[in-house]
């Protein structure tokens, strides 16, 4: 919608939320700074998050006349330094704020309205006679109060480029809390004092967030706004002003659901202490590793941090955020060698600062060996979801639910990459061997949380015999195919009839199923799991596809009696997993609603689905083709 004095903007990001958006009105239209650039910039900053729905007025004296319309917003962001608004706009503004409308005061908005005492008291620290600033330069902003929602998980701002206001005047004895500051260095023309950079207070029921950061002069540089640290501060400050909180996931961090516990997940970090962690000497971790608001924070030089336990095959999930310029990493299968601490590393750093590094050294890469094939660079002050999967020689890295590294460390491609890396002299690098998880101390502030791991050792498995006697006792055929057993192998032969299945008599809920498959027909088949009978003959449920056709979707998950759930479009590595004229190792794992399929150690399907909680196993020979399929050594382990 466009009006002469109004712009409406709404944007969604990948991190969407089901909550109602926060409605923000940006007040602009006059300023001694470049408001024609800063106002659209602030709009973009807020609209980059689905938390906000933004409108902009360039005529506040007219727009604020309608008190009911003003009450429709959760917060106002002030990017204004111009003439007074007059009545009734000014009274309406104060009434709305004192009734609960939040306010974000940005940069020169603290210059505005000399003599309007109510406004000066609300802002609390104003540019008045005696206020100034030194040269525009990069400086650090330190968070002083970690109990406040704005700053509780916000890293210190590093080398933020801006004007650093000094000697802002404390107005009319207003009460306030200063939660962040920056040192005004006399070498840059400063005051030789720490100056307030984030001030919060209450005005009646309204929450006030005030930062003097964000200088953009007409015709000058835009870097103050372009710094991602500034953008995150504006989003967090405005969210708090509107709601009284900042939703960053900490309330759900460091906990396991009953389903996760049942599935074998363990917490590596409890959110309260460094229990289970040690330094490289086996002693207590260095003081630079801190527990802050449910997060594990590398604040300053502390040395590397190791789990006391060692792991070989596992899934590891965690969340992280980095401060500007930070460089760190998470290593696994770590080995102590004469060359130092060696192990594959999930790289963790500020890509936007380290953009000139080789791509194989950027975030989520298997450091210096395999480049992460990710959509966007990792920047500072945003939480990211990460996942590492290590099963035998197969390794995966995931970032924000995207698979970005998938490699076989015994394969020729990986070994060639290793020989061209820093690990060229370590032939066993990354191969399956027990070692701790390590968080690297490599410079810069890094935060971790929600660290959980599931290893093969954390699940109790009970093998369930699938063969009873010497034949196919315990199995029931459906359809036209001929079935027989030859030792540890089940053979299904079809002569072009209808669909045929051989199903188990028993049903299974949470389990691991493995079998070696050889196909002598270029047709379509599959392994049913958590399946059921519809009527007397029709088999329905999940199916791990066996598809040796040119389509090559073997290992995808099809829903028999419905449609595809996860095919292999756009997944060339999975499509190449199945080998013609060869035995192929199928592995199907079901834990709660988490379903995974791999072929020959290469993951082909990984999803969460709630359609079927339990059911039988069935081997399928598809209709319309002539040929034979062999299932060797089928075995099933129930998870307890």
Foldseek 3Di string as FASTA:
>chain_A
DDDPFKDWDAAADPPADPDDAAEEEEEAQADQAPRVPVVVLLVCLQRNHNNYTYMYGNQLLPVQQDLVVVLVGLEYEYPYADDDSDPPSVVSVLVSQLVARFYEYEAQSLAHDPPPQLVCLLQQFHDDPPKDWFDFWFWKKCFADLVAQLRVPFHIAGRQTWTFIPDGDGGPPHDKDQGMWTARDVVRVGDRGTDGAWIWDGSNNFIYIYGNFQGHHVVDDRRNSVAVSNSSSSNSRRVCRRPVHGDQPLVVWQDDDPLRVLVQKDGCANLPDNPQKDAPVRHHWFPQFDRTSSKTKRRDDIHKMWGPFKAFFKKKKKKKFFHAFDWKWKFHLWDQDPVGIAGFTQTDGACVVVVVDPQCCFGRHSHQQGGFPDDDGHHGDHMKMWMWGHDAQWIWIDINNRTGDTDRCVDPNRLVSCCVGPNVVPSCHHGGDIDIMMIGDDDGMMIMIRIMMGHPVSWDWDWDDCDDPDWRPQKDKAWDWDWTDDVQKIKTWDDQAAKMKIWGPDKAFFKKKKWKKAWPWQAKWWKFWLWDDDPDHAIWHWTQIDHNHPVQFGRFIATRVPGGDGTCVPPVVQSPQDDHPDIKMWMWGHRQQWIWIHIPPGTRDTDGDHPGRMGIIMTMDHHRIGTMMMIGNIIMIHTD
